[in-house]
Amino acid sequence: MIGRLNHVAIVVPDLGAAVTRYRDVLGAAVSAPAALPEHGVTTVFVDLPNTRIELLHPLGSDSPVAKFLDRNPDGGMHHVCYEVQDILAARDRLRAAGARVLGDGTPKTGAHGKPVLFLHPKDFCGTLVELEQV
């Protein structure tokens, strides 16, 4: 059901410093920041030959990512994102298997303009999983 790894998301306390580190120290291609108010984050993507790293920073104090930073002031890995061909079919299959889809199960538009859903970390070895339709 899942396809390739789309990205690994890392929450960062200082987006500018993280961009500098990835761009200037690691020599990676880094996108411009993009605000995603629906998700409460600003994102930057680091392009790698085989996947991407998504740098996440809270967009406002009520962002879920702000709560993550409260618990993890240095930041850290937030989620992994896998590609799926049909997000609604994936959602239904996962629910039938007992996995919990976060929210009401209605896909939201993600950072790439495609439908996304998140799966409860307790159902996937403590890791928050994002599914993105490709």
N, C-alpha and C. Protein backbone atom coordinates (compact mmCIF):
# COMPACT_ATOMS: atom_id res chain seq x y z
N MET A 1 0.82 -1.20 0.00
CA MET A 1 0.00 0.00 0.00
C MET A 1 0.86 1.26 0.00
N ILE A 2 1.87 1.34 0.90
CA ILE A 2 2.68 2.56 0.91
C ILE A 2 3.72 2.48 -0.19
N GLY A 3 4.03 3.65 -0.70
CA GLY A 3 5.05 3.76 -1.73
C GLY A 3 6.35 4.25 -1.14
N ARG A 4 7.02 5.08 -1.88
CA ARG A 4 8.34 5.53 -1.45
C ARG A 4 8.25 6.52 -0.30
N LEU A 5 9.37 6.67 0.38
CA LEU A 5 9.49 7.68 1.43
C LEU A 5 9.50 9.05 0.76
N ASN A 6 8.55 9.89 1.12
CA ASN A 6 8.48 11.22 0.52
C ASN A 6 9.39 12.19 1.26
N HIS A 7 9.31 12.18 2.60
CA HIS A 7 10.19 13.06 3.39
C HIS A 7 10.21 12.65 4.86
N VAL A 8 11.21 13.14 5.54
CA VAL A 8 11.32 13.05 6.99
C VAL A 8 11.22 14.48 7.50
N ALA A 9 10.33 14.72 8.46
CA ALA A 9 10.11 16.07 8.97
C ALA A 9 10.84 16.25 10.30
N ILE A 10 11.52 17.38 10.42
CA ILE A 10 12.27 17.72 11.61
C ILE A 10 11.78 19.08 12.11
N VAL A 11 11.36 19.15 13.36
CA VAL A 11 10.96 20.42 13.96
C VAL A 11 12.23 21.14 14.41
N VAL A 12 12.31 22.42 14.08
CA VAL A 12 13.50 23.21 14.43
C VAL A 12 13.08 24.46 15.21
N PRO A 13 13.86 24.83 16.23
CA PRO A 13 13.52 26.03 17.01
C PRO A 13 13.88 27.32 16.29
N ASP A 14 14.83 27.26 15.35
CA ASP A 14 15.27 28.44 14.61
C ASP A 14 15.38 28.05 13.14
N LEU A 15 14.38 28.43 12.35
CA LEU A 15 14.32 28.02 10.95
C LEU A 15 15.49 28.58 10.15
N GLY A 16 15.84 29.84 10.38
CA GLY A 16 16.96 30.44 9.65
C GLY A 16 18.27 29.72 9.92
N ALA A 17 18.52 29.37 11.17
CA ALA A 17 19.75 28.66 11.52
C ALA A 17 19.77 27.27 10.89
N ALA A 18 18.61 26.61 10.88
CA ALA A 18 18.54 25.27 10.28
C ALA A 18 18.78 25.34 8.77
N VAL A 19 18.19 26.33 8.11
CA VAL A 19 18.41 26.51 6.67
C VAL A 19 19.89 26.73 6.39
N THR A 20 20.52 27.60 7.17
CA THR A 20 21.95 27.87 6.99
C THR A 20 22.77 26.60 7.16
N ARG A 21 22.45 25.81 8.17
CA ARG A 21 23.20 24.58 8.42
C ARG A 21 23.08 23.62 7.25
N TYR A 22 21.85 23.38 6.78
CA TYR A 22 21.66 22.44 5.67
C TYR A 22 22.25 22.96 4.37
N ARG A 23 22.08 24.25 4.10
CA ARG A 23 22.56 24.83 2.85
C ARG A 23 24.07 25.03 2.86
N ASP A 24 24.58 25.70 3.88
CA ASP A 24 25.99 26.12 3.88
C ASP A 24 26.94 25.06 4.42
N VAL A 25 26.49 24.29 5.40
CA VAL A 25 27.37 23.28 5.98
C VAL A 25 27.28 21.96 5.22
N LEU A 26 26.04 21.52 4.92
CA LEU A 26 25.87 20.25 4.23
C LEU A 26 25.83 20.39 2.70
N GLY A 27 25.69 21.62 2.20
CA GLY A 27 25.68 21.85 0.76
C GLY A 27 24.42 21.39 0.06
N ALA A 28 23.30 21.38 0.77
CA ALA A 28 22.04 20.91 0.19
C ALA A 28 21.28 22.05 -0.48
N ALA A 29 20.45 21.68 -1.45
CA ALA A 29 19.51 22.63 -2.06
C ALA A 29 18.33 22.79 -1.11
N VAL A 30 18.00 24.03 -0.78
CA VAL A 30 16.97 24.33 0.21
C VAL A 30 15.93 25.26 -0.41
N SER A 31 14.66 24.94 -0.19
CA SER A 31 13.58 25.77 -0.75
C SER A 31 13.40 27.04 0.07
N ALA A 32 12.61 27.94 -0.47
CA ALA A 32 12.20 29.13 0.29
C ALA A 32 11.18 28.69 1.33
N PRO A 33 11.07 29.41 2.45
CA PRO A 33 10.05 29.08 3.46
C PRO A 33 8.64 29.27 2.89
N ALA A 34 7.74 28.40 3.33
CA ALA A 34 6.33 28.50 2.93
C ALA A 34 5.47 28.35 4.17
N ALA A 35 4.60 29.33 4.40
CA ALA A 35 3.68 29.27 5.53
C ALA A 35 2.48 28.41 5.16
N LEU A 36 2.11 27.51 6.08
CA LEU A 36 0.94 26.65 5.90
C LEU A 36 0.01 26.86 7.10
N PRO A 37 -0.80 27.93 7.06
CA PRO A 37 -1.66 28.25 8.21
C PRO A 37 -2.59 27.12 8.61
N GLU A 38 -3.09 26.34 7.65
CA GLU A 38 -4.01 25.24 7.98
C GLU A 38 -3.34 24.21 8.89
N HIS A 39 -2.01 24.09 8.79
CA HIS A 39 -1.27 23.13 9.60
C HIS A 39 -0.51 23.80 10.74
N GLY A 40 -0.50 25.14 10.76
CA GLY A 40 0.16 25.86 11.83
C GLY A 40 1.67 25.82 11.78
N VAL A 41 2.22 25.71 10.56
CA VAL A 41 3.68 25.61 10.42
C VAL A 41 4.20 26.44 9.26
N THR A 42 5.47 26.74 9.34
CA THR A 42 6.24 27.21 8.19
C THR A 42 7.17 26.07 7.83
N THR A 43 7.25 25.76 6.53
CA THR A 43 8.08 24.64 6.09
C THR A 43 9.16 25.11 5.13
N VAL A 44 10.24 24.38 5.16
CA VAL A 44 11.33 24.51 4.19
C VAL A 44 11.69 23.08 3.80
N PHE A 45 11.88 22.84 2.52
CA PHE A 45 12.27 21.50 2.08
C PHE A 45 13.72 21.49 1.65
N VAL A 46 14.43 20.46 2.11
CA VAL A 46 15.81 20.21 1.73
C VAL A 46 15.77 19.06 0.74
N ASP A 47 16.20 19.32 -0.49
CA ASP A 47 16.15 18.30 -1.54
C ASP A 47 17.39 17.43 -1.52
N LEU A 48 17.16 16.12 -1.48
CA LEU A 48 18.22 15.13 -1.52
C LEU A 48 18.02 14.26 -2.77
N PRO A 49 19.02 13.54 -3.20
CA PRO A 49 18.86 12.73 -4.41
C PRO A 49 17.75 11.68 -4.30
N ASN A 50 17.48 11.16 -3.10
CA ASN A 50 16.52 10.07 -2.98
C ASN A 50 15.27 10.41 -2.16
N THR A 51 15.22 11.58 -1.53
CA THR A 51 14.07 11.99 -0.74
C THR A 51 14.22 13.46 -0.36
N ARG A 52 13.45 13.91 0.61
CA ARG A 52 13.55 15.28 1.11
C ARG A 52 13.52 15.27 2.63
N ILE A 53 14.05 16.34 3.20
CA ILE A 53 13.91 16.62 4.62
C ILE A 53 13.01 17.85 4.69
N GLU A 54 12.00 17.79 5.54
CA GLU A 54 11.12 18.94 5.75
C GLU A 54 11.48 19.56 7.10
N LEU A 55 11.88 20.81 7.08
CA LEU A 55 12.15 21.54 8.30
C LEU A 55 10.87 22.26 8.69
N LEU A 56 10.39 22.03 9.91
CA LEU A 56 9.13 22.60 10.39
C LEU A 56 9.39 23.58 11.52
N HIS A 57 8.70 24.70 11.45
CA HIS A 57 8.78 25.70 12.51
C HIS A 57 7.36 26.18 12.79
N PRO A 58 7.00 26.40 14.08
CA PRO A 58 5.62 26.79 14.39
C PRO A 58 5.23 28.12 13.77
N LEU A 59 4.00 28.16 13.33
CA LEU A 59 3.40 29.39 12.82
C LEU A 59 2.38 29.81 13.86
N GLY A 60 2.85 30.49 14.89
CA GLY A 60 1.98 30.89 15.99
C GLY A 60 2.14 29.99 17.21
N SER A 61 1.74 30.52 18.35
CA SER A 61 1.95 29.81 19.61
C SER A 61 0.97 28.65 19.81
N ASP A 62 -0.13 28.60 19.05
CA ASP A 62 -1.09 27.51 19.21
C ASP A 62 -0.84 26.37 18.23
N SER A 63 0.26 26.42 17.51
CA SER A 63 0.63 25.38 16.56
C SER A 63 0.96 24.08 17.29
N PRO A 64 0.56 22.92 16.74
CA PRO A 64 0.97 21.66 17.35
C PRO A 64 2.51 21.53 17.40
N VAL A 65 3.18 22.16 16.47
CA VAL A 65 4.64 22.11 16.45
C VAL A 65 5.22 22.95 17.59
N ALA A 66 4.52 24.00 17.99
CA ALA A 66 4.97 24.78 19.16
C ALA A 66 4.92 23.91 20.41
N LYS A 67 3.89 23.09 20.52
CA LYS A 67 3.78 22.16 21.65
C LYS A 67 4.91 21.14 21.61
N PHE A 68 5.27 20.68 20.41
CA PHE A 68 6.39 19.75 20.25
C PHE A 68 7.68 20.41 20.75
N LEU A 69 7.88 21.69 20.39
CA LEU A 69 9.09 22.40 20.84
C LEU A 69 9.07 22.64 22.35
N ASP A 70 7.90 22.81 22.94
CA ASP A 70 7.82 22.94 24.39
C ASP A 70 8.39 21.70 25.07
N ARG A 71 8.08 20.53 24.49
CA ARG A 71 8.56 19.27 25.06
C ARG A 71 9.99 18.94 24.63
N ASN A 72 10.39 19.48 23.46
CA ASN A 72 11.71 19.18 22.88
C ASN A 72 12.33 20.49 22.42
N PRO A 73 12.89 21.30 23.33
CA PRO A 73 13.36 22.64 22.98
C PRO A 73 14.43 22.70 21.88
N ASP A 74 15.18 21.62 21.71
CA ASP A 74 16.20 21.59 20.65
C ASP A 74 15.63 21.13 19.32
N GLY A 75 14.34 20.78 19.29
CA GLY A 75 13.72 20.25 18.08
C GLY A 75 13.92 18.75 18.00
N GLY A 76 13.66 18.19 16.84
CA GLY A 76 13.84 16.75 16.64
C GLY A 76 12.94 16.22 15.55
N MET A 77 13.08 14.92 15.29
CA MET A 77 12.27 14.30 14.25
C MET A 77 10.81 14.34 14.64
N HIS A 78 9.96 14.76 13.72
CA HIS A 78 8.53 14.90 13.98
C HIS A 78 7.71 13.78 13.34
N HIS A 79 7.95 13.52 12.05
CA HIS A 79 7.20 12.47 11.36
C HIS A 79 7.92 12.00 10.11
N VAL A 80 7.46 10.86 9.61
CA VAL A 80 7.89 10.37 8.30
C VAL A 80 6.67 10.40 7.39
N CYS A 81 6.90 10.67 6.12
CA CYS A 81 5.81 10.76 5.15
C CYS A 81 6.02 9.73 4.05
N TYR A 82 5.01 8.89 3.86
CA TYR A 82 5.03 7.88 2.80
C TYR A 82 4.01 8.25 1.73
N GLU A 83 4.32 7.90 0.52
CA GLU A 83 3.41 8.15 -0.59
C GLU A 83 2.41 7.01 -0.73
N VAL A 84 1.18 7.37 -1.11
CA VAL A 84 0.15 6.39 -1.44
C VAL A 84 -0.52 6.83 -2.73
N GLN A 85 -1.04 5.86 -3.47
CA GLN A 85 -1.71 6.18 -4.73
C GLN A 85 -3.11 6.75 -4.52
N ASP A 86 -3.83 6.21 -3.54
CA ASP A 86 -5.22 6.61 -3.29
C ASP A 86 -5.38 6.79 -1.78
N ILE A 87 -5.40 8.02 -1.33
CA ILE A 87 -5.41 8.30 0.11
C ILE A 87 -6.69 7.82 0.79
N LEU A 88 -7.82 7.90 0.12
CA LEU A 88 -9.07 7.45 0.73
C LEU A 88 -9.09 5.93 0.86
N ALA A 89 -8.60 5.22 -0.15
CA ALA A 89 -8.52 3.76 -0.06
C ALA A 89 -7.53 3.36 1.03
N ALA A 90 -6.42 4.08 1.13
CA ALA A 90 -5.43 3.80 2.18
C ALA A 90 -6.05 4.03 3.56
N ARG A 91 -6.76 5.15 3.72
CA ARG A 91 -7.42 5.46 4.99
C ARG A 91 -8.38 4.35 5.39
N ASP A 92 -9.20 3.92 4.44
CA ASP A 92 -10.20 2.90 4.74
C ASP A 92 -9.55 1.57 5.09
N ARG A 93 -8.50 1.22 4.38
CA ARG A 93 -7.79 -0.04 4.66
C ARG A 93 -7.13 0.01 6.05
N LEU A 94 -6.53 1.15 6.37
CA LEU A 94 -5.88 1.30 7.67
C LEU A 94 -6.90 1.24 8.81
N ARG A 95 -8.00 1.93 8.66
CA ARG A 95 -9.05 1.88 9.68
C ARG A 95 -9.57 0.46 9.88
N ALA A 96 -9.77 -0.25 8.76
CA ALA A 96 -10.26 -1.63 8.85
C ALA A 96 -9.26 -2.52 9.59
N ALA A 97 -7.99 -2.17 9.51
CA ALA A 97 -6.94 -2.93 10.19
C ALA A 97 -6.74 -2.47 11.63
N GLY A 98 -7.50 -1.45 12.07
CA GLY A 98 -7.43 -0.99 13.45
C GLY A 98 -6.51 0.19 13.68
N ALA A 99 -5.93 0.76 12.63
CA ALA A 99 -5.07 1.93 12.79
C ALA A 99 -5.93 3.17 12.98
N ARG A 100 -5.42 4.11 13.77
CA ARG A 100 -6.15 5.35 14.04
C ARG A 100 -5.65 6.47 13.12
N VAL A 101 -6.59 7.06 12.41
CA VAL A 101 -6.31 8.22 11.57
C VAL A 101 -6.61 9.44 12.43
N LEU A 102 -5.68 10.39 12.48
CA LEU A 102 -5.89 11.58 13.31
C LEU A 102 -6.90 12.52 12.67
N GLY A 103 -7.57 13.29 13.50
CA GLY A 103 -8.61 14.20 13.00
C GLY A 103 -9.84 13.42 12.63
N ASP A 104 -10.64 13.99 11.73
CA ASP A 104 -11.89 13.33 11.35
C ASP A 104 -11.73 12.39 10.16
N GLY A 105 -10.51 12.24 9.66
CA GLY A 105 -10.26 11.33 8.54
C GLY A 105 -10.40 11.97 7.19
N THR A 106 -10.74 13.25 7.17
CA THR A 106 -10.82 13.97 5.90
C THR A 106 -9.44 14.49 5.55
N PRO A 107 -8.92 14.13 4.38
CA PRO A 107 -7.58 14.62 4.02
C PRO A 107 -7.54 16.14 3.95
N LYS A 108 -6.39 16.69 4.36
CA LYS A 108 -6.12 18.11 4.22
C LYS A 108 -5.12 18.30 3.10
N THR A 109 -5.00 19.51 2.61
CA THR A 109 -3.99 19.80 1.60
C THR A 109 -2.65 20.01 2.28
N GLY A 110 -1.65 19.26 1.85
CA GLY A 110 -0.33 19.33 2.45
C GLY A 110 0.57 20.35 1.78
N ALA A 111 1.82 20.34 2.15
CA ALA A 111 2.81 21.31 1.69
C ALA A 111 3.04 21.25 0.18
N HIS A 112 2.76 20.11 -0.44
CA HIS A 112 2.96 19.98 -1.88
C HIS A 112 1.67 20.15 -2.66
N GLY A 113 0.62 20.62 -1.97
CA GLY A 113 -0.66 20.83 -2.63
C GLY A 113 -1.43 19.55 -2.88
N LYS A 114 -1.04 18.46 -2.20
CA LYS A 114 -1.68 17.16 -2.38
C LYS A 114 -2.36 16.74 -1.07
N PRO A 115 -3.35 15.84 -1.16
CA PRO A 115 -4.05 15.40 0.04
C PRO A 115 -3.13 14.62 0.99
N VAL A 116 -3.26 14.91 2.29
CA VAL A 116 -2.47 14.23 3.32
C VAL A 116 -3.36 13.82 4.49
N LEU A 117 -2.92 12.78 5.19
CA LEU A 117 -3.52 12.33 6.44
C LEU A 117 -2.39 11.95 7.38
N PHE A 118 -2.67 12.00 8.69
CA PHE A 118 -1.70 11.58 9.68
C PHE A 118 -2.26 10.40 10.46
N LEU A 119 -1.36 9.48 10.83
CA LEU A 119 -1.72 8.28 11.57
C LEU A 119 -1.14 8.34 12.97
N HIS A 120 -1.87 7.82 13.93
CA HIS A 120 -1.48 7.91 15.33
C HIS A 120 -0.13 7.22 15.57
N PRO A 121 0.79 7.90 16.25
CA PRO A 121 2.12 7.31 16.48
C PRO A 121 2.09 6.04 17.30
N LYS A 122 1.12 5.87 18.18
CA LYS A 122 1.07 4.65 19.00
C LYS A 122 0.78 3.41 18.16
N ASP A 123 0.25 3.61 16.96
CA ASP A 123 -0.03 2.48 16.08
C ASP A 123 1.15 2.14 15.17
N PHE A 124 2.21 2.98 15.19
CA PHE A 124 3.35 2.78 14.29
C PHE A 124 4.67 2.97 15.02
N CYS A 125 4.84 2.18 16.08
CA CYS A 125 6.11 2.11 16.82
C CYS A 125 6.56 3.46 17.35
N GLY A 126 5.61 4.30 17.75
CA GLY A 126 5.95 5.59 18.34
C GLY A 126 6.28 6.67 17.33
N THR A 127 6.02 6.42 16.06
CA THR A 127 6.34 7.39 15.01
C THR A 127 5.07 7.93 14.37
N LEU A 128 4.94 9.26 14.34
CA LEU A 128 3.85 9.90 13.62
C LEU A 128 4.08 9.66 12.14
N VAL A 129 3.05 9.17 11.45
CA VAL A 129 3.15 8.84 10.03
C VAL A 129 2.20 9.76 9.25
N GLU A 130 2.75 10.38 8.20
CA GLU A 130 1.94 11.15 7.27
C GLU A 130 1.82 10.34 5.98
N LEU A 131 0.64 10.32 5.41
CA LEU A 131 0.44 9.73 4.09
C LEU A 131 0.13 10.86 3.13
N GLU A 132 0.77 10.83 1.97
CA GLU A 132 0.52 11.85 0.94
C GLU A 132 0.16 11.15 -0.35
N GLN A 133 -0.96 11.56 -0.93
CA GLN A 133 -1.37 11.00 -2.22
C GLN A 133 -0.50 11.57 -3.33
N VAL A 134 -0.03 10.68 -4.19
CA VAL A 134 0.80 11.13 -5.33
C VAL A 134 0.06 10.94 -6.63
